[in-house]
Amino acid sequence: MVLDALERARYLRQVVIPEIGESGQAALRQARVLVVGAGGLGSPVLLYLAAAGVGRLGVVDYDVVDRSNLQRQIVHGTPDIGRPKTDSAADRIAALNPSVTVVRHALCLDQHTVVELLRAYDVIVTAVDNLSTRYLLNDACVLLRKTLVEGAVLRFVGLAMTIKGGQSACYRCVFPQPPAPEGCSSATEHSATEQGVFGPVPGVIGAIQAAEALKAILGLGEPLVNRLLQYDALQMTFDEVTTSRDPACPVCGERPSITDIAQSAASLGL
């Protein structure tokens, strides 16, 4: 698929990288990425993926922009206060790169919506604070054999890992204890409201997630598969923990007890 003159001009600094080139840029244009959460993590993920030329971006969030979001949720601005985050994010993406198609999913991601939603995308990015949603996304991606780029932040620390559903360690392998039921309280505000987030931390982790999603599309480098990256902003350190699939994991183990999304939801008390 040939790039036109405007695309060559926009993506010049990317296309000249030998590992990407015009063929890689064309692959990005055909890619479909779902970002679940348009908050602190989702903001840099959406902006970097849009800037890179990912052709279709799905945005999942049913919350509205609040003034307290603006300290870290950089895809939104002061004039957006009170607007649905999906609308605000879509407008900002259109301003940055009008060639990107944005699909707004202003809904509560739950056991009734997650499977059909994920089927339409190639790569899924977790940008949520709601733990039940995080486990549900993990389970759905394992069952559907989707690539999931996981990220989490709290106060001064952040985590990132990439999960190849059914092939690598999944979220339950690393964090086997499921959460208490949370229902559909905001997918992007649960922990942030209670304990706080240092603004640059989701920027760092979100940029890493965007890089992992782009690498997955392009088939480049070594992804954070079977590796958990830990970032500490106070100490300015990055540490890596090697992970592996747990044979006893209930969703990706040798004898899984979770074989459909209804069982996943039941295990989370949803």
C-alpha atoms as a PDB file:
ATOM      1  CA  MET A   1       0.000   0.000   0.000  1.00  0.00           C
ATOM      2  CA  VAL A   2       1.590   3.244  -1.193  1.00  0.00           C
ATOM      3  CA  LEU A   3       1.721   6.365   0.963  1.00  0.00           C
ATOM      4  CA  ASP A   4       0.571   9.630  -0.543  1.00  0.00           C
ATOM      5  CA  ALA A   5       2.602  12.843  -0.415  1.00  0.00           C
ATOM      6  CA  LEU A   6       0.867  14.173   2.691  1.00  0.00           C
ATOM      7  CA  GLU A   7       1.470  10.930   4.556  1.00  0.00           C
ATOM      8  CA  ARG A   8       5.126  10.914   3.573  1.00  0.00           C
ATOM      9  CA  ALA A   9       5.487  14.463   4.876  1.00  0.00           C
ATOM     10  CA  ARG A  10       3.671  13.772   8.142  1.00  0.00           C
ATOM     11  CA  TYR A  11       5.480  10.532   8.968  1.00  0.00           C
ATOM     12  CA  LEU A  12       8.887  11.424   7.499  1.00  0.00           C
ATOM     13  CA  ARG A  13      10.844  10.932  10.748  1.00  0.00           C
ATOM     14  CA  GLN A  14       9.209   7.531  11.163  1.00  0.00           C
ATOM     15  CA  VAL A  15       9.389   6.275   7.587  1.00  0.00           C
ATOM     16  CA  VAL A  16      13.143   6.920   7.337  1.00  0.00           C
ATOM     17  CA  ILE A  17      13.746   4.411  10.147  1.00  0.00           C
ATOM     18  CA  PRO A  18      14.830   1.278   8.242  1.00  0.00           C
ATOM     19  CA  GLU A  19      12.901  -1.056  10.531  1.00  0.00           C
ATOM     20  CA  ILE A  20       9.663   0.803   9.720  1.00  0.00           C
ATOM     21  CA  GLY A  21       9.781   2.294   6.214  1.00  0.00           C
ATOM     22  CA  GLU A  22       6.724   2.814   4.033  1.00  0.00           C
ATOM     23  CA  SER A  23       5.563  -0.764   4.471  1.00  0.00           C
ATOM     24  CA  GLY A  24       5.523  -0.369   8.246  1.00  0.00           C
ATOM     25  CA  GLN A  25       3.690   2.929   7.981  1.00  0.00           C
ATOM     26  CA  ALA A  26       1.116   1.269   5.767  1.00  0.00           C
ATOM     27  CA  ALA A  27       0.712  -1.465   8.399  1.00  0.00           C
ATOM     28  CA  LEU A  28       0.055   1.190  11.044  1.00  0.00           C
ATOM     29  CA  ARG A  29      -2.599   2.742   8.810  1.00  0.00           C
ATOM     30  CA  GLN A  30      -4.377  -0.619   8.649  1.00  0.00           C
ATOM     31  CA  ALA A  31      -4.065  -1.332  12.373  1.00  0.00           C
ATOM     32  CA  ARG A  32      -6.929  -1.296  14.870  1.00  0.00           C
ATOM     33  CA  VAL A  33      -6.124  -0.532  18.513  1.00  0.00           C
ATOM     34  CA  LEU A  34      -8.584  -0.354  21.392  1.00  0.00           C
ATOM     35  CA  VAL A  35      -7.641   1.882  24.336  1.00  0.00           C
ATOM     36  CA  VAL A  36      -9.750   1.146  27.399  1.00  0.00           C
ATOM     37  CA  GLY A  37      -9.748   4.327  29.461  1.00  0.00           C
ATOM     38  CA  ALA A  38      -9.227   7.920  28.348  1.00  0.00           C
ATOM     39  CA  GLY A  39      -7.639   9.120  31.584  1.00  0.00           C
ATOM     40  CA  GLY A  40      -4.070   9.516  32.796  1.00  0.00           C
ATOM     41  CA  LEU A  41      -2.680   6.464  30.990  1.00  0.00           C
ATOM     42  CA  GLY A  42      -5.039   6.588  28.041  1.00  0.00           C
ATOM     43  CA  SER A  43      -4.133  10.197  27.240  1.00  0.00           C
ATOM     44  CA  PRO A  44      -0.497   9.658  26.173  1.00  0.00           C
ATOM     45  CA  VAL A  45      -1.356   6.294  24.623  1.00  0.00           C
ATOM     46  CA  LEU A  46      -4.015   7.852  22.406  1.00  0.00           C
ATOM     47  CA  LEU A  47      -1.884  10.840  21.449  1.00  0.00           C
ATOM     48  CA  TYR A  48       1.198   8.819  20.528  1.00  0.00           C
ATOM     49  CA  LEU A  49      -0.764   6.188  18.602  1.00  0.00           C
ATOM     50  CA  ALA A  50      -2.645   8.882  16.703  1.00  0.00           C
ATOM     51  CA  ALA A  51       0.566  10.777  15.977  1.00  0.00           C
ATOM     52  CA  ALA A  52       2.173   7.559  14.701  1.00  0.00           C
ATOM     53  CA  GLY A  53      -0.666   7.015  12.242  1.00  0.00           C
ATOM     54  CA  VAL A  54      -2.608   4.073  13.674  1.00  0.00           C
ATOM     55  CA  GLY A  55      -5.586   3.977  11.354  1.00  0.00           C
ATOM     56  CA  ARG A  56      -8.404   3.113  13.751  1.00  0.00           C
ATOM     57  CA  LEU A  57      -8.445   3.950  17.448  1.00  0.00           C
ATOM     58  CA  GLY A  58     -11.248   2.743  19.674  1.00  0.00           C
ATOM     59  CA  VAL A  59     -11.734   4.724  22.889  1.00  0.00           C
ATOM     60  CA  VAL A  60     -13.650   3.175  25.784  1.00  0.00           C
ATOM     61  CA  ASP A  61     -14.789   5.461  28.620  1.00  0.00           C
ATOM     62  CA  TYR A  62     -18.191   6.444  29.952  1.00  0.00           C
ATOM     63  CA  ASP A  63     -16.992   9.174  32.318  1.00  0.00           C
ATOM     64  CA  VAL A  64     -17.017  12.945  31.815  1.00  0.00           C
ATOM     65  CA  VAL A  65     -14.079  15.320  32.166  1.00  0.00           C
ATOM     66  CA  ASP A  66     -13.651  16.749  35.653  1.00  0.00           C
ATOM     67  CA  ARG A  67     -11.401  19.624  36.650  1.00  0.00           C
ATOM     68  CA  SER A  68      -9.388  17.271  38.874  1.00  0.00           C
ATOM     69  CA  ASN A  69      -8.514  15.156  35.812  1.00  0.00           C
ATOM     70  CA  LEU A  70      -6.529  17.899  34.112  1.00  0.00           C
ATOM     71  CA  GLN A  71      -3.409  17.514  36.291  1.00  0.00           C
ATOM     72  CA  ARG A  72      -2.508  14.339  34.366  1.00  0.00           C
ATOM     73  CA  GLN A  73      -5.122  13.576  31.693  1.00  0.00           C
ATOM     74  CA  ILE A  74      -3.484  15.609  28.958  1.00  0.00           C
ATOM     75  CA  VAL A  75      -5.791  14.585  26.123  1.00  0.00           C
ATOM     76  CA  HIS A  76      -8.436  16.858  27.712  1.00  0.00           C
ATOM     77  CA  GLY A  77      -8.471  20.603  28.351  1.00  0.00           C
ATOM     78  CA  THR A  78     -10.262  23.112  30.563  1.00  0.00           C
ATOM     79  CA  PRO A  79     -12.979  23.801  27.941  1.00  0.00           C
ATOM     80  CA  ASP A  80     -13.796  20.059  28.002  1.00  0.00           C
ATOM     81  CA  ILE A  81     -14.929  20.006  31.639  1.00  0.00           C
ATOM     82  CA  GLY A  82     -18.300  18.270  31.771  1.00  0.00           C
ATOM     83  CA  ARG A  83     -17.962  16.690  28.327  1.00  0.00           C
ATOM     84  CA  PRO A  84     -17.836  12.920  27.764  1.00  0.00           C
ATOM     85  CA  LYS A  85     -14.201  11.828  27.702  1.00  0.00           C
ATOM     86  CA  THR A  86     -14.738   9.912  24.476  1.00  0.00           C
ATOM     87  CA  ASP A  87     -15.877  13.128  22.754  1.00  0.00           C
ATOM     88  CA  SER A  88     -13.062  15.219  24.185  1.00  0.00           C
ATOM     89  CA  ALA A  89     -10.439  12.635  23.244  1.00  0.00           C
ATOM     90  CA  ALA A  90     -11.863  12.247  19.736  1.00  0.00           C
ATOM     91  CA  ASP A  91     -11.692  15.995  19.123  1.00  0.00           C
ATOM     92  CA  ARG A  92      -8.087  16.193  20.338  1.00  0.00           C
ATOM     93  CA  ILE A  93      -7.072  13.250  18.138  1.00  0.00           C
ATOM     94  CA  ALA A  94      -8.785  14.827  15.121  1.00  0.00           C
ATOM     95  CA  ALA A  95      -6.852  18.034  15.725  1.00  0.00           C
ATOM     96  CA  LEU A  96      -3.588  16.115  15.953  1.00  0.00           C
ATOM     97  CA  ASN A  97      -4.129  13.742  13.038  1.00  0.00           C
ATOM     98  CA  PRO A  98      -7.398  13.979  11.076  1.00  0.00           C
ATOM     99  CA  SER A  99      -6.582  10.828   9.073  1.00  0.00           C
ATOM    100  CA  VAL A 100      -7.120   8.645  12.158  1.00  0.00           C
ATOM    101  CA  THR A 101     -10.590   7.128  12.549  1.00  0.00           C
ATOM    102  CA  VAL A 102     -11.775   7.337  16.154  1.00  0.00           C
ATOM    103  CA  VAL A 103     -14.505   4.980  17.333  1.00  0.00           C
ATOM    104  CA  ARG A 104     -16.153   6.182  20.541  1.00  0.00           C
ATOM    105  CA  HIS A 105     -17.340   3.516  22.966  1.00  0.00           C
ATOM    106  CA  ALA A 106     -19.062   5.467  25.734  1.00  0.00           C
ATOM    107  CA  LEU A 107     -20.037   2.400  27.694  1.00  0.00           C
ATOM    108  CA  CYS A 108     -19.291   0.389  30.795  1.00  0.00           C
ATOM    109  CA  LEU A 109     -16.996  -2.432  29.787  1.00  0.00           C
ATOM    110  CA  ASP A 110     -18.406  -5.550  31.428  1.00  0.00           C
ATOM    111  CA  GLN A 111     -18.998  -9.237  30.758  1.00  0.00           C
ATOM    112  CA  HIS A 112     -21.848  -8.356  28.398  1.00  0.00           C
ATOM    113  CA  THR A 113     -19.832  -6.043  26.134  1.00  0.00           C
ATOM    114  CA  VAL A 114     -16.167  -7.014  26.379  1.00  0.00           C
ATOM    115  CA  VAL A 115     -15.924  -9.976  23.999  1.00  0.00           C
ATOM    116  CA  GLU A 116     -17.690  -8.471  20.992  1.00  0.00           C
ATOM    117  CA  LEU A 117     -15.871  -5.185  21.490  1.00  0.00           C
ATOM    118  CA  LEU A 118     -12.421  -6.773  21.589  1.00  0.00           C
ATOM    119  CA  ARG A 119     -13.069  -8.920  18.511  1.00  0.00           C
ATOM    120  CA  ALA A 120     -12.959  -5.804  16.310  1.00  0.00           C
ATOM    121  CA  TYR A 121      -9.399  -4.814  17.301  1.00  0.00           C
ATOM    122  CA  ASP A 122      -5.879  -6.154  16.818  1.00  0.00           C
ATOM    123  CA  VAL A 123      -4.222  -4.817  19.975  1.00  0.00           C
ATOM    124  CA  ILE A 124      -5.853  -3.889  23.301  1.00  0.00           C
ATOM    125  CA  VAL A 125      -4.373  -1.333  25.711  1.00  0.00           C
ATOM    126  CA  THR A 126      -5.412  -1.327  29.370  1.00  0.00           C
ATOM    127  CA  ALA A 127      -5.586   2.210  30.757  1.00  0.00           C
ATOM    128  CA  VAL A 128      -7.858   1.646  33.745  1.00  0.00           C
ATOM    129  CA  ASP A 129      -7.702   1.783  37.526  1.00  0.00           C
ATOM    130  CA  ASN A 130     -10.710  -0.433  38.137  1.00  0.00           C
ATOM    131  CA  LEU A 131      -9.208  -3.810  39.068  1.00  0.00           C
ATOM    132  CA  SER A 132     -12.243  -5.856  38.073  1.00  0.00           C
ATOM    133  CA  THR A 133     -12.097  -4.346  34.585  1.00  0.00           C
ATOM    134  CA  ARG A 134      -8.364  -5.087  34.431  1.00  0.00           C
ATOM    135  CA  TYR A 135      -8.898  -8.796  35.203  1.00  0.00           C
ATOM    136  CA  LEU A 136     -11.864  -9.006  32.854  1.00  0.00           C
ATOM    137  CA  LEU A 137      -9.796  -7.555  30.001  1.00  0.00           C
ATOM    138  CA  ASN A 138      -6.973  -9.964  30.749  1.00  0.00           C
ATOM    139  CA  ASP A 139      -9.287 -12.949  30.694  1.00  0.00           C
ATOM    140  CA  ALA A 140     -11.008 -11.854  27.487  1.00  0.00           C
ATOM    141  CA  CYS A 141      -7.677 -11.317  25.724  1.00  0.00           C
ATOM    142  CA  VAL A 142      -6.432 -14.755  26.796  1.00  0.00           C
ATOM    143  CA  LEU A 143      -9.653 -16.390  25.599  1.00  0.00           C
ATOM    144  CA  LEU A 144      -9.577 -14.483  22.295  1.00  0.00           C
ATOM    145  CA  ARG A 145      -5.788 -14.838  21.844  1.00  0.00           C
ATOM    146  CA  LYS A 146      -5.394 -11.048  21.642  1.00  0.00           C
ATOM    147  CA  THR A 147      -2.330  -8.958  22.473  1.00  0.00           C
ATOM    148  CA  LEU A 148      -2.909  -6.889  25.603  1.00  0.00           C
ATOM    149  CA  VAL A 149      -0.629  -4.033  26.653  1.00  0.00           C
ATOM    150  CA  GLU A 150      -1.034  -3.618  30.395  1.00  0.00           C
ATOM    151  CA  GLY A 151      -0.181  -0.530  32.452  1.00  0.00           C
ATOM    152  CA  ALA A 152      -0.911   0.718  35.960  1.00  0.00           C
ATOM    153  CA  VAL A 153       0.063   3.745  38.041  1.00  0.00           C
ATOM    154  CA  LEU A 154      -0.305   4.845  41.639  1.00  0.00           C
ATOM    155  CA  ARG A 155       1.328   7.775  43.395  1.00  0.00           C
ATOM    156  CA  PHE A 156       4.978   7.759  42.212  1.00  0.00           C
ATOM    157  CA  VAL A 157       5.176   4.280  40.668  1.00  0.00           C
ATOM    158  CA  GLY A 158       4.055   2.586  37.496  1.00  0.00           C
ATOM    159  CA  LEU A 159       4.017  -0.894  35.970  1.00  0.00           C
ATOM    160  CA  ALA A 160       3.898  -2.120  32.377  1.00  0.00           C
ATOM    161  CA  MET A 161       3.808  -5.516  30.702  1.00  0.00           C
ATOM    162  CA  THR A 162       2.617  -7.015  27.428  1.00  0.00           C
ATOM    163  CA  ILE A 163       0.498 -10.147  27.335  1.00  0.00           C
ATOM    164  CA  LYS A 164       0.131 -12.397  24.320  1.00  0.00           C
ATOM    165  CA  GLY A 165      -3.104 -14.150  25.092  1.00  0.00           C
ATOM    166  CA  GLY A 166      -2.617 -17.867  25.521  1.00  0.00           C
ATOM    167  CA  GLN A 167       1.126 -17.685  24.802  1.00  0.00           C
ATOM    168  CA  SER A 168       2.740 -15.692  27.617  1.00  0.00           C
ATOM    169  CA  ALA A 169       2.231 -15.023  31.313  1.00  0.00           C
ATOM    170  CA  CYS A 170      -1.077 -13.247  31.794  1.00  0.00           C
ATOM    171  CA  TYR A 171      -2.129 -10.775  34.465  1.00  0.00           C
ATOM    172  CA  ARG A 172      -3.515 -13.536  36.689  1.00  0.00           C
ATOM    173  CA  CYS A 173      -0.199 -15.401  36.479  1.00  0.00           C
ATOM    174  CA  VAL A 174       1.564 -12.383  37.960  1.00  0.00           C
ATOM    175  CA  PHE A 175      -1.208 -11.121  40.252  1.00  0.00           C
ATOM    176  CA  PRO A 176      -3.325 -14.194  41.058  1.00  0.00           C
ATOM    177  CA  GLN A 177      -5.498 -12.634  43.746  1.00  0.00           C
ATOM    178  CA  PRO A 178      -8.629 -11.181  42.128  1.00  0.00           C
ATOM    179  CA  PRO A 179     -10.113  -7.976  43.579  1.00  0.00           C
ATOM    180  CA  ALA A 180     -13.241  -7.444  45.594  1.00  0.00           C
ATOM    181  CA  PRO A 181     -16.206  -6.576  43.360  1.00  0.00           C
ATOM    182  CA  GLU A 182     -16.075  -2.975  42.104  1.00  0.00           C
ATOM    183  CA  GLY A 183     -18.892  -2.923  39.589  1.00  0.00           C
ATOM    184  CA  CYS A 184     -18.742  -0.104  37.063  1.00  0.00           C
ATOM    185  CA  SER A 185     -17.419   2.717  39.208  1.00  0.00           C
ATOM    186  CA  SER A 186     -15.279   4.883  36.936  1.00  0.00           C
ATOM    187  CA  ALA A 187     -12.726   2.812  35.066  1.00  0.00           C
ATOM    188  CA  THR A 188     -10.118   5.564  35.310  1.00  0.00           C
ATOM    189  CA  GLU A 189     -10.561   7.081  38.737  1.00  0.00           C
ATOM    190  CA  HIS A 190     -10.837   4.401  41.420  1.00  0.00           C
ATOM    191  CA  SER A 191      -7.330   4.388  42.896  1.00  0.00           C
ATOM    192  CA  ALA A 192      -6.363   7.868  41.715  1.00  0.00           C
ATOM    193  CA  THR A 193      -9.068   9.476  43.831  1.00  0.00           C
ATOM    194  CA  GLU A 194      -8.128   7.542  46.953  1.00  0.00           C
ATOM    195  CA  GLN A 195      -4.324   7.701  46.899  1.00  0.00           C
ATOM    196  CA  GLY A 196      -3.308  10.137  44.171  1.00  0.00           C
ATOM    197  CA  VAL A 197      -1.079  10.022  41.105  1.00  0.00           C
ATOM    198  CA  PHE A 198       2.041  12.086  40.383  1.00  0.00           C
ATOM    199  CA  GLY A 199       1.209  13.561  36.982  1.00  0.00           C
ATOM    200  CA  PRO A 200       4.303  12.569  34.977  1.00  0.00           C
ATOM    201  CA  VAL A 201       4.068   8.897  35.997  1.00  0.00           C
ATOM    202  CA  PRO A 202       1.131   8.033  33.705  1.00  0.00           C
ATOM    203  CA  GLY A 203       2.911   9.997  30.994  1.00  0.00           C
ATOM    204  CA  VAL A 204       5.959   7.738  31.274  1.00  0.00           C
ATOM    205  CA  ILE A 205       3.988   4.491  31.511  1.00  0.00           C
ATOM    206  CA  GLY A 206       1.540   5.563  28.800  1.00  0.00           C
ATOM    207  CA  ALA A 207       4.423   6.312  26.435  1.00  0.00           C
ATOM    208  CA  ILE A 208       5.826   2.843  27.141  1.00  0.00           C
ATOM    209  CA  GLN A 209       2.429   1.297  26.435  1.00  0.00           C
ATOM    210  CA  ALA A 210       2.183   3.199  23.154  1.00  0.00           C
ATOM    211  CA  ALA A 211       5.639   1.943  22.167  1.00  0.00           C
ATOM    212  CA  GLU A 212       4.629  -1.632  23.026  1.00  0.00           C
ATOM    213  CA  ALA A 213       1.446  -1.357  20.949  1.00  0.00           C
ATOM    214  CA  LEU A 214       3.353   0.026  17.953  1.00  0.00           C
ATOM    215  CA  LYS A 215       5.999  -2.701  18.278  1.00  0.00           C
ATOM    216  CA  ALA A 216       3.260  -5.341  18.345  1.00  0.00           C
ATOM    217  CA  ILE A 217       1.745  -3.966  15.130  1.00  0.00           C
ATOM    218  CA  LEU A 218       5.104  -3.699  13.378  1.00  0.00           C
ATOM    219  CA  GLY A 219       6.627  -6.894  14.774  1.00  0.00           C
ATOM    220  CA  LEU A 220       9.651  -5.001  16.063  1.00  0.00           C
ATOM    221  CA  GLY A 221      12.073  -5.558  18.908  1.00  0.00           C
ATOM    222  CA  GLU A 222      11.539  -7.388  22.160  1.00  0.00           C
ATOM    223  CA  PRO A 223       8.153  -6.708  23.774  1.00  0.00           C
ATOM    224  CA  LEU A 224       7.552  -6.763  27.522  1.00  0.00           C
ATOM    225  CA  VAL A 225       6.334 -10.349  27.220  1.00  0.00           C
ATOM    226  CA  ASN A 226       7.049 -12.428  30.326  1.00  0.00           C
ATOM    227  CA  ARG A 227       8.595  -9.285  31.787  1.00  0.00           C
ATOM    228  CA  LEU A 228       7.123  -6.802  34.271  1.00  0.00           C
ATOM    229  CA  LEU A 229       8.654  -3.328  34.074  1.00  0.00           C
ATOM    230  CA  GLN A 230       8.520  -1.259  37.279  1.00  0.00           C
ATOM    231  CA  TYR A 231       9.103   2.505  37.271  1.00  0.00           C
ATOM    232  CA  ASP A 232       9.770   4.595  40.389  1.00  0.00           C
ATOM    233  CA  ALA A 233       9.662   8.344  39.732  1.00  0.00           C
ATOM    234  CA  LEU A 234      11.059   9.301  43.155  1.00  0.00           C
ATOM    235  CA  GLN A 235      14.165   7.137  42.748  1.00  0.00           C
ATOM    236  CA  MET A 236      14.121   7.527  38.940  1.00  0.00           C
ATOM    237  CA  THR A 237      14.698   3.816  38.457  1.00  0.00           C
ATOM    238  CA  PHE A 238      13.428   1.148  36.131  1.00  0.00           C
ATOM    239  CA  ASP A 239      13.447  -2.437  37.371  1.00  0.00           C
ATOM    240  CA  GLU A 240      12.451  -5.571  35.523  1.00  0.00           C
ATOM    241  CA  VAL A 241      10.951  -8.753  36.934  1.00  0.00           C
ATOM    242  CA  THR A 242      10.930 -11.906  34.823  1.00  0.00           C
ATOM    243  CA  THR A 243       7.551 -13.627  34.779  1.00  0.00           C
ATOM    244  CA  SER A 244       6.301 -16.935  33.426  1.00  0.00           C
ATOM    245  CA  ARG A 245       3.014 -18.687  32.822  1.00  0.00           C
ATOM    246  CA  ASP A 246       1.590 -20.307  35.929  1.00  0.00           C
ATOM    247  CA  PRO A 247       0.515 -23.902  35.222  1.00  0.00           C
ATOM    248  CA  ALA A 248      -2.180 -23.433  37.866  1.00  0.00           C
ATOM    249  CA  CYS A 249      -3.490 -20.158  36.388  1.00  0.00           C
ATOM    250  CA  PRO A 250      -7.298 -20.384  36.193  1.00  0.00           C
ATOM    251  CA  VAL A 251      -7.455 -18.793  32.737  1.00  0.00           C
ATOM    252  CA  CYS A 252      -4.255 -19.774  30.860  1.00  0.00           C
ATOM    253  CA  GLY A 253      -2.983 -22.724  32.928  1.00  0.00           C
ATOM    254  CA  GLU A 254      -2.896 -26.411  32.155  1.00  0.00           C
ATOM    255  CA  ARG A 255      -6.394 -27.042  33.511  1.00  0.00           C
ATOM    256  CA  PRO A 256      -8.206 -23.695  33.290  1.00  0.00           C
ATOM    257  CA  SER A 257     -11.371 -23.204  35.303  1.00  0.00           C
ATOM    258  CA  ILE A 258     -12.211 -20.050  33.335  1.00  0.00           C
ATOM    259  CA  THR A 259     -13.086 -20.998  29.771  1.00  0.00           C
ATOM    260  CA  ASP A 260     -15.583 -18.265  28.923  1.00  0.00           C
ATOM    261  CA  ILE A 261     -16.238 -14.689  29.927  1.00  0.00           C
ATOM    262  CA  ALA A 262     -19.210 -15.587  32.145  1.00  0.00           C
ATOM    263  CA  GLN A 263     -16.895 -17.677  34.332  1.00  0.00           C
ATOM    264  CA  SER A 264     -14.425 -14.817  34.419  1.00  0.00           C
ATOM    265  CA  ALA A 265     -17.111 -12.427  35.623  1.00  0.00           C
ATOM    266  CA  ALA A 266     -18.294 -14.917  38.235  1.00  0.00           C
ATOM    267  CA  SER A 267     -14.743 -15.290  39.572  1.00  0.00           C
ATOM    268  CA  LEU A 268     -14.653 -11.503  40.055  1.00  0.00           C
ATOM    269  CA  GLY A 269     -18.043 -11.354  41.751  1.00  0.00           C
ATOM    270  CA  LEU A 270     -19.587  -9.401  38.869  1.00  0.00           C
END
